[in-house]
Amino acid sequence: MDAFRTKNIKEGEVLTYQELYPILQEKYPKYKDVQKEAEQHLAKLSYVNPAPDGLMLTQVGYDALSEM
């Protein structure tokens, strides 16, 4: 969720994998499949929906960002 906040992604916008991966690698360098794990976790919480080139922030995810 920090990546969405850092890139100022709004509801319905897509955070591309090219933007997401460096942030995840920096924050969690020891995890091999950090991008896949993050995507599954956020999708399970209904914060994101997969998009062809990245992750689209849902209204639920945007509301969660606003509360943080």
N, C-alpha and C. Protein backbone atom coordinates (compact mmCIF):
# COMPACT_ATOMS: atom_id res chain seq x y z
N MET A 1 0.83 -1.19 0.00
CA MET A 1 0.00 0.00 0.00
C MET A 1 0.88 1.25 0.00
N ASP A 2 2.08 1.13 0.56
CA ASP A 2 3.00 2.27 0.54
C ASP A 2 3.32 2.69 -0.89
N ALA A 3 3.41 1.73 -1.79
CA ALA A 3 3.72 2.05 -3.19
C ALA A 3 2.60 2.88 -3.80
N PHE A 4 1.36 2.55 -3.50
CA PHE A 4 0.23 3.33 -4.02
C PHE A 4 0.26 4.75 -3.46
N ARG A 5 0.59 4.86 -2.19
CA ARG A 5 0.67 6.18 -1.55
C ARG A 5 1.84 6.98 -2.14
N THR A 6 2.99 6.35 -2.27
CA THR A 6 4.18 7.02 -2.79
C THR A 6 3.95 7.55 -4.20
N LYS A 7 3.29 6.76 -5.02
CA LYS A 7 3.05 7.14 -6.42
C LYS A 7 1.76 7.95 -6.59
N ASN A 8 1.07 8.23 -5.47
CA ASN A 8 -0.16 9.02 -5.47
C ASN A 8 -1.22 8.43 -6.41
N ILE A 9 -1.42 7.12 -6.32
CA ILE A 9 -2.39 6.42 -7.14
C ILE A 9 -3.78 6.60 -6.53
N LYS A 10 -4.72 6.95 -7.37
CA LYS A 10 -6.11 7.15 -6.94
C LYS A 10 -6.96 5.93 -7.30
N GLU A 11 -8.15 5.89 -6.77
CA GLU A 11 -9.11 4.81 -7.06
C GLU A 11 -9.29 4.67 -8.58
N GLY A 12 -9.20 3.42 -9.06
CA GLY A 12 -9.39 3.15 -10.48
C GLY A 12 -8.13 3.30 -11.32
N GLU A 13 -7.06 3.83 -10.74
CA GLU A 13 -5.80 3.98 -11.46
C GLU A 13 -4.94 2.74 -11.26
N VAL A 14 -4.00 2.54 -12.17
CA VAL A 14 -3.14 1.35 -12.14
C VAL A 14 -1.73 1.72 -11.74
N LEU A 15 -1.20 0.98 -10.79
CA LEU A 15 0.21 1.05 -10.44
C LEU A 15 0.89 -0.04 -11.26
N THR A 16 1.76 0.36 -12.18
CA THR A 16 2.38 -0.62 -13.06
C THR A 16 3.38 -1.48 -12.31
N TYR A 17 3.60 -2.66 -12.84
CA TYR A 17 4.59 -3.55 -12.23
C TYR A 17 5.98 -2.92 -12.26
N GLN A 18 6.27 -2.13 -13.28
CA GLN A 18 7.57 -1.46 -13.37
C GLN A 18 7.77 -0.47 -12.23
N GLU A 19 6.70 0.15 -11.77
CA GLU A 19 6.76 1.08 -10.64
C GLU A 19 6.75 0.32 -9.32
N LEU A 20 6.01 -0.76 -9.26
CA LEU A 20 5.82 -1.51 -8.03
C LEU A 20 7.05 -2.32 -7.62
N TYR A 21 7.63 -3.03 -8.57
CA TYR A 21 8.69 -3.97 -8.23
C TYR A 21 9.88 -3.33 -7.50
N PRO A 22 10.41 -2.19 -7.97
CA PRO A 22 11.56 -1.60 -7.23
C PRO A 22 11.22 -1.24 -5.79
N ILE A 23 10.01 -0.79 -5.55
CA ILE A 23 9.61 -0.43 -4.19
C ILE A 23 9.56 -1.67 -3.31
N LEU A 24 8.98 -2.76 -3.83
CA LEU A 24 8.92 -4.00 -3.07
C LEU A 24 10.30 -4.58 -2.82
N GLN A 25 11.17 -4.53 -3.82
CA GLN A 25 12.53 -5.07 -3.67
C GLN A 25 13.31 -4.29 -2.62
N GLU A 26 13.10 -2.99 -2.58
CA GLU A 26 13.80 -2.16 -1.60
C GLU A 26 13.30 -2.45 -0.18
N LYS A 27 11.99 -2.59 -0.05
CA LYS A 27 11.40 -2.78 1.27
C LYS A 27 11.54 -4.22 1.78
N TYR A 28 11.47 -5.20 0.86
CA TYR A 28 11.52 -6.61 1.24
C TYR A 28 12.55 -7.36 0.39
N PRO A 29 13.83 -7.04 0.54
CA PRO A 29 14.86 -7.63 -0.35
C PRO A 29 15.05 -9.14 -0.19
N LYS A 30 14.65 -9.71 0.92
CA LYS A 30 14.91 -11.14 1.15
C LYS A 30 13.83 -12.05 0.60
N TYR A 31 12.69 -11.49 0.22
CA TYR A 31 11.58 -12.31 -0.26
C TYR A 31 11.69 -12.52 -1.77
N LYS A 32 11.70 -13.79 -2.18
CA LYS A 32 11.87 -14.13 -3.58
C LYS A 32 10.66 -13.73 -4.43
N ASP A 33 9.46 -14.07 -4.00
CA ASP A 33 8.25 -13.81 -4.77
C ASP A 33 7.42 -12.69 -4.14
N VAL A 34 8.08 -11.62 -3.75
CA VAL A 34 7.40 -10.56 -3.00
C VAL A 34 6.28 -9.92 -3.83
N GLN A 35 6.47 -9.75 -5.12
CA GLN A 35 5.44 -9.13 -5.95
C GLN A 35 4.19 -10.00 -6.01
N LYS A 36 4.38 -11.29 -6.21
CA LYS A 36 3.27 -12.23 -6.28
C LYS A 36 2.54 -12.29 -4.94
N GLU A 37 3.30 -12.36 -3.86
CA GLU A 37 2.70 -12.41 -2.52
C GLU A 37 1.91 -11.14 -2.22
N ALA A 38 2.47 -10.00 -2.57
CA ALA A 38 1.79 -8.74 -2.32
C ALA A 38 0.50 -8.66 -3.13
N GLU A 39 0.56 -9.06 -4.39
CA GLU A 39 -0.62 -9.02 -5.24
C GLU A 39 -1.72 -9.92 -4.69
N GLN A 40 -1.38 -11.13 -4.28
CA GLN A 40 -2.38 -12.06 -3.74
C GLN A 40 -2.99 -11.52 -2.44
N HIS A 41 -2.14 -10.99 -1.59
CA HIS A 41 -2.61 -10.47 -0.31
C HIS A 41 -3.57 -9.28 -0.51
N LEU A 42 -3.18 -8.34 -1.35
CA LEU A 42 -4.01 -7.15 -1.57
C LEU A 42 -5.29 -7.48 -2.31
N ALA A 43 -5.24 -8.44 -3.23
CA ALA A 43 -6.45 -8.86 -3.94
C ALA A 43 -7.42 -9.56 -2.99
N LYS A 44 -6.87 -10.35 -2.07
CA LYS A 44 -7.71 -11.05 -1.09
C LYS A 44 -8.46 -10.05 -0.20
N LEU A 45 -7.83 -8.92 0.09
CA LEU A 45 -8.45 -7.88 0.91
C LEU A 45 -9.35 -6.96 0.08
N SER A 46 -9.42 -7.21 -1.23
CA SER A 46 -10.20 -6.39 -2.18
C SER A 46 -9.63 -4.98 -2.35
N TYR A 47 -8.36 -4.80 -2.08
CA TYR A 47 -7.71 -3.50 -2.23
C TYR A 47 -7.31 -3.25 -3.68
N VAL A 48 -7.03 -4.31 -4.44
CA VAL A 48 -6.60 -4.17 -5.82
C VAL A 48 -7.29 -5.21 -6.69
N ASN A 49 -7.29 -4.91 -7.97
CA ASN A 49 -7.70 -5.87 -8.99
C ASN A 49 -6.53 -5.98 -9.97
N PRO A 50 -6.23 -7.19 -10.43
CA PRO A 50 -5.16 -7.32 -11.41
C PRO A 50 -5.54 -6.59 -12.70
N ALA A 51 -4.56 -5.95 -13.30
CA ALA A 51 -4.72 -5.28 -14.58
C ALA A 51 -3.62 -5.83 -15.49
N PRO A 52 -3.74 -5.69 -16.79
CA PRO A 52 -2.73 -6.25 -17.70
C PRO A 52 -1.30 -5.78 -17.40
N ASP A 53 -1.15 -4.53 -16.99
CA ASP A 53 0.20 -4.00 -16.77
C ASP A 53 0.52 -3.69 -15.32
N GLY A 54 -0.37 -4.06 -14.39
CA GLY A 54 -0.09 -3.77 -12.98
C GLY A 54 -1.28 -4.09 -12.10
N LEU A 55 -1.44 -3.29 -11.06
CA LEU A 55 -2.52 -3.48 -10.09
C LEU A 55 -3.38 -2.23 -10.03
N MET A 56 -4.69 -2.41 -10.21
CA MET A 56 -5.61 -1.29 -10.15
C MET A 56 -6.14 -1.15 -8.73
N LEU A 57 -6.06 0.04 -8.20
CA LEU A 57 -6.54 0.31 -6.85
C LEU A 57 -8.06 0.39 -6.86
N THR A 58 -8.70 -0.36 -5.98
CA THR A 58 -10.16 -0.37 -5.88
C THR A 58 -10.62 0.73 -4.93
N GLN A 59 -11.93 0.92 -4.86
CA GLN A 59 -12.49 1.88 -3.92
C GLN A 59 -12.18 1.46 -2.49
N VAL A 60 -12.24 0.17 -2.22
CA VAL A 60 -11.92 -0.36 -0.88
C VAL A 60 -10.46 -0.03 -0.54
N GLY A 61 -9.58 -0.25 -1.50
CA GLY A 61 -8.16 0.04 -1.28
C GLY A 61 -7.90 1.52 -1.09
N TYR A 62 -8.57 2.34 -1.89
CA TYR A 62 -8.41 3.79 -1.77
C TYR A 62 -8.90 4.28 -0.41
N ASP A 63 -10.04 3.75 0.02
CA ASP A 63 -10.56 4.11 1.34
C ASP A 63 -9.60 3.69 2.45
N ALA A 64 -8.99 2.51 2.30
CA ALA A 64 -8.01 2.04 3.29
C ALA A 64 -6.80 2.95 3.32
N LEU A 65 -6.37 3.43 2.16
CA LEU A 65 -5.23 4.37 2.12
C LEU A 65 -5.59 5.67 2.83
N SER A 66 -6.79 6.12 2.64
CA SER A 66 -7.24 7.36 3.25
C SER A 66 -7.27 7.26 4.78
N GLU A 67 -7.53 6.06 5.28
CA GLU A 67 -7.62 5.86 6.74
C GLU A 67 -6.26 5.68 7.39
N MET A 68 -5.24 5.36 6.60
CA MET A 68 -3.90 5.10 7.16
C MET A 68 -3.21 6.37 7.55
